[in-house]
Amino acid sequence: MLFNSGHFLIFFPIVLIVYFWAPKKYRWLILLVASYYFYMAWKAIYISLILISTVLDYFVGLAMSQEDDKRNRKILLFISLLVNLGLLGVFKYFNFFADNFNVLLGSLNLDYLIPASGLILPMGISFYTFQTMAYTIDVYNRKIEAEKHFGYFALYVSYFPQLVAGPIERAQNLLHQFKLEFRFEYERVVSGLKQMLWGFFKKMVIADRVAVLVEAAYSNPEACDGGTLLLATLLFTFQIYCDFSGYSDIAIGASRILGIKLMDNFRTPYLSRNVSEFWSRWHISLSTWFRDYLYIPLGGNRVVKWRWYYNLLIVFLVSGFWHGANWTFIAWGALHGIYLILALIFKEQKAQFSAKMNKWGLKRINTWTSIILTFVLVVIAWIYFRAENISDAHLILSKISSFDFNLVALESFIIDNGRVKALGILIIVAIFIFIDPFMDALIKNKRKVSSLSSYLIYSFLTVTILIAGNFGKVDFIYFQF
């Protein structure tokens, strides 16, 4: 089980030692073996799914590159998409459709029931499926050449640092890097270690610790008052960000040490001034994937206005469904689609209001008002993302909006579920809110600090991880997607 931060801390140094000592021409093979072992340590049998996608898309890519007839290339692309989406559908969505179909049959008083499949959701299937699909689509559109080396292509599909939860890389960015000669660079390695350290801090100190409070509230919302549910919702807002962006930091930092550059996946999204900007800062690899392979093919914004709104809504409904086989995820995606559509409808009025605020010398107030409003809208959507079902989401929203706050109950909830560490964790979360933008700039060398300050910052992160970090088997949230 290598899909949590504690195990990665053990696994990666071993790979690193072997990688550095291996002959240069075999380093790609070391990474491929490590990637397959990494995945098989979870469930060995499910490596067959990666192999199916890898073998199929490798030969489909070669065939399309040699085929001039567009109709034949389209048939090859259709086969690739059918198999990949078929595997994704069977393992991830079969039970969802079966359950909903059974409800429909029950409403019609029909006794027949579709049995559940009993299949386990494969680790990272949504990520590597989208990654290999992007490859075949780009080969079909003649944007890239088909990869002739099977080993390099297999590594592209299964590359272990980003296999579990991305970033979802494009072939034109990642594939060629496996062929480059690796050169040890001290500054690059140190930078990678710093980003990994920041990622482990976000995951092990913040995400894994607040998860206890979030789970206690969301697993039994009927027993909680509005104040408790509001606190749990705000904590989940930072839990999912620290968990997911923490994983991305670990993947990006580990790859940088290996001499491989992965794309940024997060850029302080909670400082966005509108929902559109939020999606340019949150899970960037997925939002750009949907932009390039769904939104633009649907017509994007180069269509009549109603169709533009339709395209946006479809993209976010699909995005929600990609996240999980539950109506809560679809509702979450729909909310974001509605947010963007309303922003377009009232775009002119918003621009006029902003112009007046700026004219009155209230530009900074206008900016922070926009940031706060965007944050509130995102938090509301997170309730649907985290809730067990739609009914629970409505109940949570109802209790929060009714201001049914009980400070005694809230204090009791924190003590009962967080025990003595609860206050300390809440303080760390509060500190994180302020230092996250600073750390993002520091790691990317956009902000200079003295050597002593840098030493103190990273020493603090290390000590905090050792003291307050959760070294237990806590999976990454996006592992299930």
Protein backbone atom coordinates (compact mmCIF):
# COMPACT_ATOMS: atom_id res chain seq x y z
CA MET A 1 0.00 0.00 0.00
CA LEU A 2 2.07 2.87 -1.36
CA PHE A 3 -0.64 5.44 -1.98
CA ASN A 4 -0.26 7.39 1.26
CA SER A 5 2.39 9.88 2.32
CA GLY A 6 3.98 7.68 4.98
CA HIS A 7 4.80 4.89 2.56
CA PHE A 8 5.98 7.31 -0.13
CA LEU A 9 8.54 8.64 2.35
CA ILE A 10 10.06 5.15 2.43
CA PHE A 11 9.58 4.17 -1.22
CA PHE A 12 10.95 7.26 -2.97
CA PRO A 13 14.44 7.36 -1.37
CA ILE A 14 14.99 3.72 -2.38
CA VAL A 15 14.03 4.51 -5.98
CA LEU A 16 16.22 7.60 -5.88
CA ILE A 17 19.31 5.67 -4.78
CA VAL A 18 18.86 3.03 -7.49
CA TYR A 19 18.10 5.72 -10.09
CA PHE A 20 21.26 7.74 -9.32
CA TRP A 21 23.53 4.66 -9.39
CA ALA A 22 22.02 3.03 -12.48
CA PRO A 23 23.70 3.47 -15.90
CA LYS A 24 22.15 6.40 -17.75
CA LYS A 25 20.69 4.28 -20.55
CA TYR A 26 18.68 2.21 -18.05
CA ARG A 27 17.22 4.99 -15.92
CA TRP A 28 13.93 5.00 -17.78
CA LEU A 29 13.67 1.26 -17.06
CA ILE A 30 14.29 1.85 -13.35
CA LEU A 31 11.39 4.32 -13.32
CA LEU A 32 9.14 1.92 -15.23
CA VAL A 33 9.85 -0.99 -12.86
CA ALA A 34 9.35 1.32 -9.87
CA SER A 35 6.06 2.57 -11.33
CA TYR A 36 4.71 -0.93 -11.89
CA TYR A 37 5.82 -2.07 -8.44
CA PHE A 38 4.28 1.07 -6.93
CA TYR A 39 0.92 0.23 -8.48
CA MET A 40 1.07 -3.52 -7.85
CA ALA A 41 1.82 -2.92 -4.15
CA TRP A 42 -1.83 -1.85 -3.92
CA LYS A 43 -3.56 -4.62 -5.93
CA ALA A 44 -1.29 -6.58 -8.25
CA ILE A 45 -4.10 -7.83 -10.48
CA TYR A 46 -5.15 -4.31 -11.48
CA ILE A 47 -1.85 -3.67 -13.26
CA SER A 48 -3.57 -5.56 -16.09
CA LEU A 49 -5.83 -2.54 -16.67
CA ILE A 50 -2.84 -0.24 -17.12
CA LEU A 51 -1.27 -2.80 -19.45
CA ILE A 52 -4.45 -3.01 -21.55
CA SER A 53 -4.57 0.79 -21.99
CA THR A 54 -0.82 0.94 -22.62
CA VAL A 55 -0.67 -1.82 -25.26
CA LEU A 56 -3.85 -0.69 -26.99
CA ASP A 57 -2.97 2.98 -27.24
CA TYR A 58 0.64 2.29 -28.20
CA PHE A 59 -0.42 0.31 -31.27
CA VAL A 60 -3.38 2.58 -32.02
CA GLY A 61 -1.00 5.54 -31.98
CA LEU A 62 1.42 3.81 -34.35
CA ALA A 63 -1.40 2.79 -36.69
CA MET A 64 -2.88 6.30 -36.77
CA SER A 65 0.51 7.85 -37.50
CA GLN A 66 0.85 5.61 -40.58
CA GLU A 67 -2.71 6.08 -41.76
CA ASP A 68 -3.55 8.93 -44.13
CA ASP A 69 -7.24 8.16 -44.46
CA LYS A 70 -9.06 10.28 -41.87
CA ARG A 71 -11.97 7.83 -41.70
CA ASN A 72 -9.65 4.97 -40.75
CA ARG A 73 -7.88 7.14 -38.19
CA LYS A 74 -11.25 8.01 -36.72
CA ILE A 75 -12.13 4.32 -36.42
CA LEU A 76 -8.85 3.67 -34.59
CA LEU A 77 -9.48 6.60 -32.25
CA PHE A 78 -13.01 5.33 -31.60
CA ILE A 79 -11.64 1.90 -30.62
CA SER A 80 -9.17 3.50 -28.20
CA LEU A 81 -11.80 5.73 -26.59
CA LEU A 82 -14.34 2.91 -26.43
CA VAL A 83 -11.97 0.55 -24.60
CA ASN A 84 -10.59 3.17 -22.21
CA LEU A 85 -13.97 4.68 -21.36
CA GLY A 86 -15.45 1.18 -21.23
CA LEU A 87 -12.95 0.10 -18.57
CA LEU A 88 -13.56 3.32 -16.67
CA GLY A 89 -17.32 2.83 -16.95
CA VAL A 90 -17.34 -0.78 -15.77
CA PHE A 91 -15.03 -0.32 -12.79
CA LYS A 92 -16.13 3.14 -11.68
CA TYR A 93 -19.74 3.66 -12.79
CA PHE A 94 -21.41 0.26 -13.19
CA ASN A 95 -22.80 0.16 -9.65
CA PHE A 96 -23.99 3.77 -9.89
CA PHE A 97 -26.05 3.06 -13.01
CA ALA A 98 -27.21 -0.28 -11.63
CA ASP A 99 -28.40 1.29 -8.37
CA ASN A 100 -30.26 4.08 -10.13
CA PHE A 101 -31.79 1.68 -12.64
CA ASN A 102 -32.94 -0.52 -9.77
CA VAL A 103 -34.63 2.49 -8.17
CA LEU A 104 -36.40 3.16 -11.47
CA LEU A 105 -37.53 -0.46 -11.72
CA GLY A 106 -38.77 -0.32 -8.14
CA SER A 107 -40.83 2.78 -8.87
CA LEU A 108 -42.46 0.80 -11.70
CA ASN A 109 -43.17 -2.10 -9.33
CA LEU A 110 -40.82 -4.42 -11.23
CA ASP A 111 -39.06 -7.06 -9.14
CA TYR A 112 -35.98 -7.52 -11.34
CA LEU A 113 -32.77 -6.13 -9.83
CA ILE A 114 -29.38 -5.64 -11.46
CA PRO A 115 -26.79 -7.10 -9.06
CA ALA A 116 -23.82 -5.02 -7.94
CA SER A 117 -20.55 -5.84 -9.69
CA GLY A 118 -18.43 -6.27 -6.56
CA LEU A 119 -15.46 -4.74 -8.38
CA ILE A 120 -13.01 -2.54 -6.48
CA LEU A 121 -12.38 0.93 -7.93
CA PRO A 122 -8.81 0.78 -9.32
CA MET A 123 -6.35 3.30 -7.93
CA GLY A 124 -5.88 6.37 -10.14
CA ILE A 125 -7.90 4.94 -13.05
CA SER A 126 -9.45 8.31 -13.94
CA PHE A 127 -6.02 9.94 -14.09
CA TYR A 128 -4.10 7.50 -16.26
CA THR A 129 -7.16 6.91 -18.49
CA PHE A 130 -7.43 10.62 -19.26
CA GLN A 131 -3.68 10.83 -19.77
CA THR A 132 -3.55 8.06 -22.35
CA MET A 133 -6.73 9.31 -24.04
CA ALA A 134 -5.13 12.72 -24.47
CA TYR A 135 -2.23 11.00 -26.23
CA THR A 136 -4.39 9.18 -28.79
CA ILE A 137 -6.52 12.27 -29.46
CA ASP A 138 -3.40 14.37 -30.06
CA VAL A 139 -1.93 11.73 -32.38
CA TYR A 140 -5.23 11.60 -34.25
CA ASN A 141 -5.21 15.39 -34.68
CA ARG A 142 -1.56 15.28 -35.82
CA LYS A 143 -0.50 17.49 -32.91
CA ILE A 144 2.20 15.01 -31.87
CA GLU A 145 4.07 12.10 -33.41
CA ALA A 146 3.29 8.60 -32.16
CA GLU A 147 5.87 7.25 -29.72
CA LYS A 148 7.74 4.31 -31.28
CA HIS A 149 9.54 3.16 -28.11
CA PHE A 150 7.13 0.98 -26.14
CA GLY A 151 9.06 1.38 -22.89
CA TYR A 152 8.93 5.17 -22.94
CA PHE A 153 5.22 5.09 -23.71
CA ALA A 154 4.56 2.58 -20.92
CA LEU A 155 6.40 4.87 -18.52
CA TYR A 156 4.35 7.86 -19.70
CA VAL A 157 1.13 6.03 -18.81
CA SER A 158 2.32 4.69 -15.44
CA TYR A 159 4.91 7.21 -14.15
CA PHE A 160 4.58 6.67 -10.40
CA PRO A 161 4.95 10.18 -8.84
CA GLN A 162 1.80 11.41 -10.58
CA LEU A 163 0.03 8.09 -11.15
CA VAL A 164 -2.34 8.22 -8.18
CA ALA A 165 -3.69 11.78 -8.47
CA GLY A 166 -1.96 13.68 -11.25
CA PRO A 167 -1.12 16.18 -12.53
CA ILE A 168 -2.62 14.75 -15.75
CA GLU A 169 0.30 15.29 -18.10
CA ARG A 170 0.28 15.68 -21.86
CA ALA A 171 2.58 13.51 -23.96
CA GLN A 172 4.26 16.54 -25.53
CA ASN A 173 5.39 17.68 -22.07
CA LEU A 174 6.32 14.41 -20.38
CA LEU A 175 7.32 11.79 -22.95
CA HIS A 176 10.41 13.48 -24.35
CA GLN A 177 11.79 14.13 -20.86
CA PHE A 178 12.33 10.39 -20.30
CA LYS A 179 14.80 10.46 -23.19
CA LEU A 180 16.89 13.37 -21.95
CA GLU A 181 20.25 12.82 -20.33
CA PHE A 182 19.96 13.25 -16.57
CA ARG A 183 22.39 15.66 -14.96
CA PHE A 184 22.66 16.11 -11.23
CA GLU A 185 22.04 19.74 -10.27
CA TYR A 186 22.29 20.63 -6.60
CA GLU A 187 19.89 23.60 -6.74
CA ARG A 188 17.25 21.61 -8.61
CA VAL A 189 17.42 18.75 -6.13
CA VAL A 190 17.19 21.12 -3.16
CA SER A 191 14.23 22.89 -4.77
CA GLY A 192 12.51 19.54 -5.29
CA LEU A 193 13.10 18.51 -1.69
CA LYS A 194 11.65 21.82 -0.46
CA GLN A 195 8.51 21.36 -2.53
CA MET A 196 8.12 17.79 -1.31
CA LEU A 197 8.54 18.96 2.29
CA TRP A 198 5.82 21.58 1.80
CA GLY A 199 3.59 18.93 0.27
CA PHE A 200 4.12 16.52 3.18
CA PHE A 201 3.38 19.35 5.62
CA LYS A 202 0.08 20.14 3.91
CA LYS A 203 -0.92 16.48 3.71
CA MET A 204 0.29 15.05 7.03
CA VAL A 205 -0.07 18.02 9.37
CA ILE A 206 -3.18 19.75 8.05
CA ALA A 207 -5.24 17.47 5.78
CA ASP A 208 -4.85 14.27 7.78
CA ARG A 209 -5.43 15.95 11.13
CA VAL A 210 -8.54 17.97 10.30
CA ALA A 211 -9.95 14.90 8.52
CA VAL A 212 -10.98 13.50 11.93
CA LEU A 213 -13.20 16.50 12.69
CA VAL A 214 -14.62 16.60 9.17
CA GLU A 215 -15.48 12.90 9.16
CA ALA A 216 -17.13 13.09 12.60
CA ALA A 217 -19.45 15.90 11.47
CA TYR A 218 -20.26 14.76 7.92
CA SER A 219 -20.84 11.13 8.89
CA ASN A 220 -23.61 12.20 11.29
CA PRO A 221 -24.92 15.69 10.35
CA GLU A 222 -28.23 15.05 12.12
CA ALA A 223 -26.46 15.13 15.49
CA CYS A 224 -24.54 18.36 14.79
CA ASP A 225 -25.60 21.97 15.12
CA GLY A 226 -25.02 24.59 12.43
CA GLY A 227 -21.84 25.94 14.01
CA THR A 228 -20.23 22.51 14.11
CA LEU A 229 -21.18 21.83 10.49
CA LEU A 230 -19.87 25.24 9.41
CA LEU A 231 -16.55 24.57 11.12
CA ALA A 232 -16.36 21.09 9.53
CA THR A 233 -17.15 22.55 6.11
CA LEU A 234 -14.45 25.21 6.39
CA LEU A 235 -11.99 22.59 7.59
CA PHE A 236 -12.87 20.35 4.66
CA THR A 237 -12.29 23.29 2.32
CA PHE A 238 -8.68 23.35 3.49
CA GLN A 239 -8.45 19.60 3.93
CA ILE A 240 -9.15 18.86 0.28
CA TYR A 241 -6.88 21.68 -0.87
CA CYS A 242 -3.99 20.59 1.37
CA ASP A 243 -4.51 16.92 0.56
CA PHE A 244 -4.72 17.35 -3.22
CA SER A 245 -2.23 20.19 -3.68
CA GLY A 246 0.02 18.45 -1.16
CA TYR A 247 0.06 15.36 -3.38
CA SER A 248 0.82 17.54 -6.41
CA ASP A 249 3.69 19.21 -4.54
CA ILE A 250 5.13 15.80 -3.63
CA ALA A 251 4.79 14.57 -7.23
CA ILE A 252 6.25 17.75 -8.74
CA GLY A 253 9.08 17.92 -6.19
CA ALA A 254 9.99 14.23 -6.57
CA SER A 255 10.01 14.57 -10.35
CA ARG A 256 12.18 17.67 -10.18
CA ILE A 257 14.76 15.67 -8.20
CA LEU A 258 14.66 13.04 -10.95
CA GLY A 259 15.21 15.75 -13.56
CA ILE A 260 11.62 15.73 -14.83
CA LYS A 261 9.37 18.79 -14.89
CA LEU A 262 5.66 18.36 -14.24
CA MET A 263 3.10 21.11 -14.77
CA ASP A 264 1.77 23.22 -11.90
CA ASN A 265 -1.59 21.95 -10.67
CA PHE A 266 -2.54 24.63 -8.12
CA ARG A 267 -1.93 28.37 -7.81
CA THR A 268 -3.44 29.60 -4.51
CA PRO A 269 -7.01 29.00 -5.76
CA TYR A 270 -8.76 30.40 -2.69
CA LEU A 271 -7.47 33.88 -3.57
CA SER A 272 -9.45 33.86 -6.83
CA ARG A 273 -11.67 36.85 -7.56
CA ASN A 274 -14.28 34.85 -9.47
CA VAL A 275 -15.17 31.22 -10.17
CA SER A 276 -13.63 31.32 -13.64
CA GLU A 277 -10.33 32.38 -12.10
CA PHE A 278 -10.72 29.66 -9.47
CA TRP A 279 -10.76 27.03 -12.21
CA SER A 280 -7.64 28.53 -13.75
CA ARG A 281 -5.92 27.95 -10.38
CA TRP A 282 -7.51 24.70 -9.13
CA HIS A 283 -6.61 21.26 -10.55
CA ILE A 284 -5.20 23.00 -13.61
CA SER A 285 -4.29 19.79 -15.41
CA LEU A 286 -7.92 18.59 -15.31
CA SER A 287 -9.54 21.93 -16.15
CA THR A 288 -7.25 22.39 -19.16
CA TRP A 289 -7.93 18.75 -20.19
CA PHE A 290 -11.67 19.40 -20.26
CA ARG A 291 -11.09 22.71 -22.05
CA ASP A 292 -9.03 21.13 -24.83
CA TYR A 293 -10.79 17.79 -25.26
CA LEU A 294 -14.44 18.58 -24.46
CA TYR A 295 -15.22 22.30 -24.20
CA ILE A 296 -13.49 23.40 -27.43
CA PRO A 297 -14.76 20.40 -29.48
CA LEU A 298 -18.29 21.28 -28.30
CA GLY A 299 -17.78 24.76 -29.76
CA GLY A 300 -16.48 26.59 -26.71
CA ASN A 301 -17.58 30.22 -26.70
CA ARG A 302 -17.58 30.51 -30.51
CA VAL A 303 -21.28 29.71 -30.68
CA VAL A 304 -24.57 31.43 -29.95
CA LYS A 305 -24.99 32.50 -26.35
CA TRP A 306 -27.40 29.76 -25.24
CA ARG A 307 -25.11 27.10 -26.71
CA TRP A 308 -22.14 28.66 -24.91
CA TYR A 309 -23.99 28.27 -21.60
CA TYR A 310 -24.93 24.71 -22.56
CA ASN A 311 -21.29 23.87 -23.31
CA LEU A 312 -20.18 25.18 -19.92
CA LEU A 313 -22.84 23.24 -18.07
CA ILE A 314 -22.04 20.00 -19.92
CA VAL A 315 -18.34 20.34 -19.17
CA PHE A 316 -18.92 20.81 -15.45
CA LEU A 317 -21.52 18.06 -15.23
CA VAL A 318 -19.01 15.69 -16.84
CA SER A 319 -16.29 17.04 -14.54
CA GLY A 320 -18.48 16.32 -11.52
CA PHE A 321 -19.23 12.81 -12.77
CA TRP A 322 -15.51 12.24 -13.42
CA HIS A 323 -14.86 12.87 -9.72
CA GLY A 324 -17.15 10.12 -8.52
CA ALA A 325 -20.16 7.91 -9.16
CA ASN A 326 -22.54 9.80 -6.88
CA TRP A 327 -25.20 12.44 -7.42
CA THR A 328 -23.36 14.65 -4.94
CA PHE A 329 -20.45 15.05 -7.36
CA ILE A 330 -22.82 15.80 -10.23
CA ALA A 331 -24.52 18.46 -8.09
CA TRP A 332 -21.10 19.93 -7.23
CA GLY A 333 -20.20 20.15 -10.92
CA ALA A 334 -23.60 21.59 -11.80
CA LEU A 335 -23.21 24.31 -9.17
CA HIS A 336 -19.89 25.43 -10.65
CA GLY A 337 -21.41 25.41 -14.13
CA ILE A 338 -24.31 27.56 -12.90
CA TYR A 339 -21.88 29.93 -11.17
CA LEU A 340 -20.04 30.50 -14.44
CA ILE A 341 -23.23 30.95 -16.45
CA LEU A 342 -24.60 33.52 -13.99
CA ALA A 343 -21.26 35.34 -14.07
CA LEU A 344 -21.55 35.62 -17.85
CA ILE A 345 -25.17 36.78 -17.67
CA PHE A 346 -24.33 39.54 -15.19
CA LYS A 347 -20.86 40.29 -16.56
CA GLU A 348 -21.74 43.80 -17.71
CA GLN A 349 -23.37 44.78 -14.39
CA LYS A 350 -20.36 43.42 -12.50
CA ALA A 351 -17.99 45.43 -14.68
CA GLN A 352 -20.00 48.62 -14.10
CA PHE A 353 -20.03 48.05 -10.34
CA SER A 354 -16.27 47.42 -10.27
CA ALA A 355 -15.65 50.58 -12.29
CA LYS A 356 -17.63 52.64 -9.78
CA MET A 357 -15.81 51.09 -6.84
CA ASN A 358 -12.46 51.86 -8.45
CA LYS A 359 -13.58 55.41 -9.22
CA TRP A 360 -14.47 55.92 -5.55
CA GLY A 361 -11.01 54.70 -4.50
CA LEU A 362 -12.33 51.38 -3.19
CA LYS A 363 -10.41 49.09 -5.53
CA ARG A 364 -8.86 47.03 -2.73
CA ILE A 365 -12.21 46.62 -0.97
CA ASN A 366 -13.77 45.54 -4.27
CA THR A 367 -11.01 42.98 -4.81
CA TRP A 368 -11.32 41.44 -1.36
CA THR A 369 -15.11 41.44 -1.60
CA SER A 370 -14.81 39.46 -4.84
CA ILE A 371 -12.35 37.04 -3.24
CA ILE A 372 -14.59 36.47 -0.21
CA LEU A 373 -17.72 36.02 -2.34
CA THR A 374 -15.92 33.52 -4.60
CA PHE A 375 -14.65 31.64 -1.55
CA VAL A 376 -18.19 31.42 -0.12
CA LEU A 377 -19.56 30.06 -3.41
CA VAL A 378 -16.79 27.47 -3.60
CA VAL A 379 -17.39 26.43 0.03
CA ILE A 380 -21.11 25.93 -0.64
CA ALA A 381 -20.25 23.65 -3.54
CA TRP A 382 -17.79 21.71 -1.38
CA ILE A 383 -20.70 20.73 0.90
CA TYR A 384 -22.19 18.69 -1.96
CA PHE A 385 -18.78 17.26 -2.82
CA ARG A 386 -18.19 16.00 0.73
CA ALA A 387 -21.71 14.99 1.81
CA GLU A 388 -22.67 11.32 1.77
CA ASN A 389 -25.77 12.05 -0.28
CA ILE A 390 -27.89 14.93 -1.56
CA SER A 391 -30.22 14.80 1.47
CA ASP A 392 -27.28 15.24 3.85
CA ALA A 393 -26.01 18.16 1.78
CA HIS A 394 -29.39 19.89 2.00
CA LEU A 395 -29.55 19.23 5.74
CA ILE A 396 -26.07 20.69 6.30
CA LEU A 397 -26.88 23.78 4.24
CA SER A 398 -30.16 24.20 6.10
CA LYS A 399 -28.53 24.02 9.54
CA ILE A 400 -25.72 26.41 8.61
CA SER A 401 -28.06 28.95 6.98
CA SER A 402 -30.42 28.83 10.00
CA PHE A 403 -27.55 30.02 12.26
CA ASP A 404 -28.29 27.18 14.64
CA PHE A 405 -24.98 27.71 16.45
CA ASN A 406 -24.25 26.34 19.91
CA LEU A 407 -20.80 27.23 21.26
CA VAL A 408 -21.02 24.66 24.04
CA ALA A 409 -21.89 21.91 21.55
CA LEU A 410 -19.10 23.08 19.23
CA GLU A 411 -16.52 23.02 22.03
CA SER A 412 -17.69 19.57 23.10
CA PHE A 413 -17.47 18.32 19.50
CA ILE A 414 -13.88 19.54 19.09
CA ILE A 415 -12.76 18.05 22.42
CA ASP A 416 -14.51 14.73 21.82
CA ASN A 417 -13.15 14.26 18.29
CA GLY A 418 -9.94 16.25 18.20
CA ARG A 419 -8.91 15.79 21.84
CA VAL A 420 -6.00 17.86 23.10
CA LYS A 421 -4.47 18.41 19.66
CA ALA A 422 -7.58 20.02 18.18
CA LEU A 423 -6.75 23.60 19.19
CA GLY A 424 -3.18 23.23 17.95
CA ILE A 425 -4.35 21.91 14.58
CA LEU A 426 -6.85 24.75 14.20
CA ILE A 427 -4.06 27.24 14.93
CA ILE A 428 -1.84 25.58 12.30
CA VAL A 429 -4.69 25.78 9.75
CA ALA A 430 -5.07 29.50 10.51
CA ILE A 431 -1.31 30.03 10.06
CA PHE A 432 -1.38 28.05 6.81
CA ILE A 433 -4.03 30.36 5.34
CA PHE A 434 -1.60 33.26 5.62
CA ILE A 435 1.67 31.55 4.64
CA ASP A 436 0.43 29.48 1.67
CA PRO A 437 0.83 32.30 -0.92
CA PHE A 438 4.24 33.14 0.55
CA MET A 439 5.45 29.53 0.37
CA ASP A 440 4.22 29.12 -3.19
CA ALA A 441 6.28 32.16 -4.23
CA LEU A 442 9.28 31.06 -2.16
CA ILE A 443 9.46 27.57 -3.68
CA LYS A 444 9.17 28.99 -7.21
CA ASN A 445 11.95 31.52 -6.44
CA LYS A 446 9.58 34.46 -6.97
CA ARG A 447 10.36 35.69 -3.47
CA LYS A 448 13.87 35.97 -2.04
CA VAL A 449 14.66 35.44 1.64
CA SER A 450 17.92 35.18 3.51
CA SER A 451 19.62 31.81 3.96
CA LEU A 452 18.89 31.97 7.69
CA SER A 453 15.17 32.66 7.10
CA SER A 454 14.97 29.82 4.60
CA TYR A 455 16.71 27.47 7.03
CA LEU A 456 14.29 28.45 9.82
CA ILE A 457 11.22 28.03 7.61
CA TYR A 458 12.10 24.54 6.42
CA SER A 459 13.32 23.51 9.86
CA PHE A 460 9.95 24.58 11.26
CA LEU A 461 8.12 22.52 8.61
CA THR A 462 10.28 19.46 9.35
CA VAL A 463 9.85 19.69 13.12
CA THR A 464 6.11 20.27 12.77
CA ILE A 465 5.76 17.20 10.55
CA LEU A 466 7.68 15.06 13.05
CA ILE A 467 5.63 16.33 16.01
CA ALA A 468 2.15 16.82 14.56
CA GLY A 469 2.22 14.84 11.32
CA ASN A 470 -0.04 11.83 10.90
CA PHE A 471 2.19 8.91 9.89
CA GLY A 472 -0.72 6.48 9.78
CA LYS A 473 -2.28 4.90 6.71
CA VAL A 474 -4.37 7.83 5.53
CA ASP A 475 -5.04 7.66 1.78
CA PHE A 476 -5.01 10.68 -0.47
CA ILE A 477 -8.56 11.91 -1.09
CA TYR A 478 -8.17 11.75 -4.87
CA PHE A 479 -6.88 8.18 -4.68
CA GLN A 480 -10.54 7.10 -5.02
CA PHE A 481 -10.98 9.05 -8.25
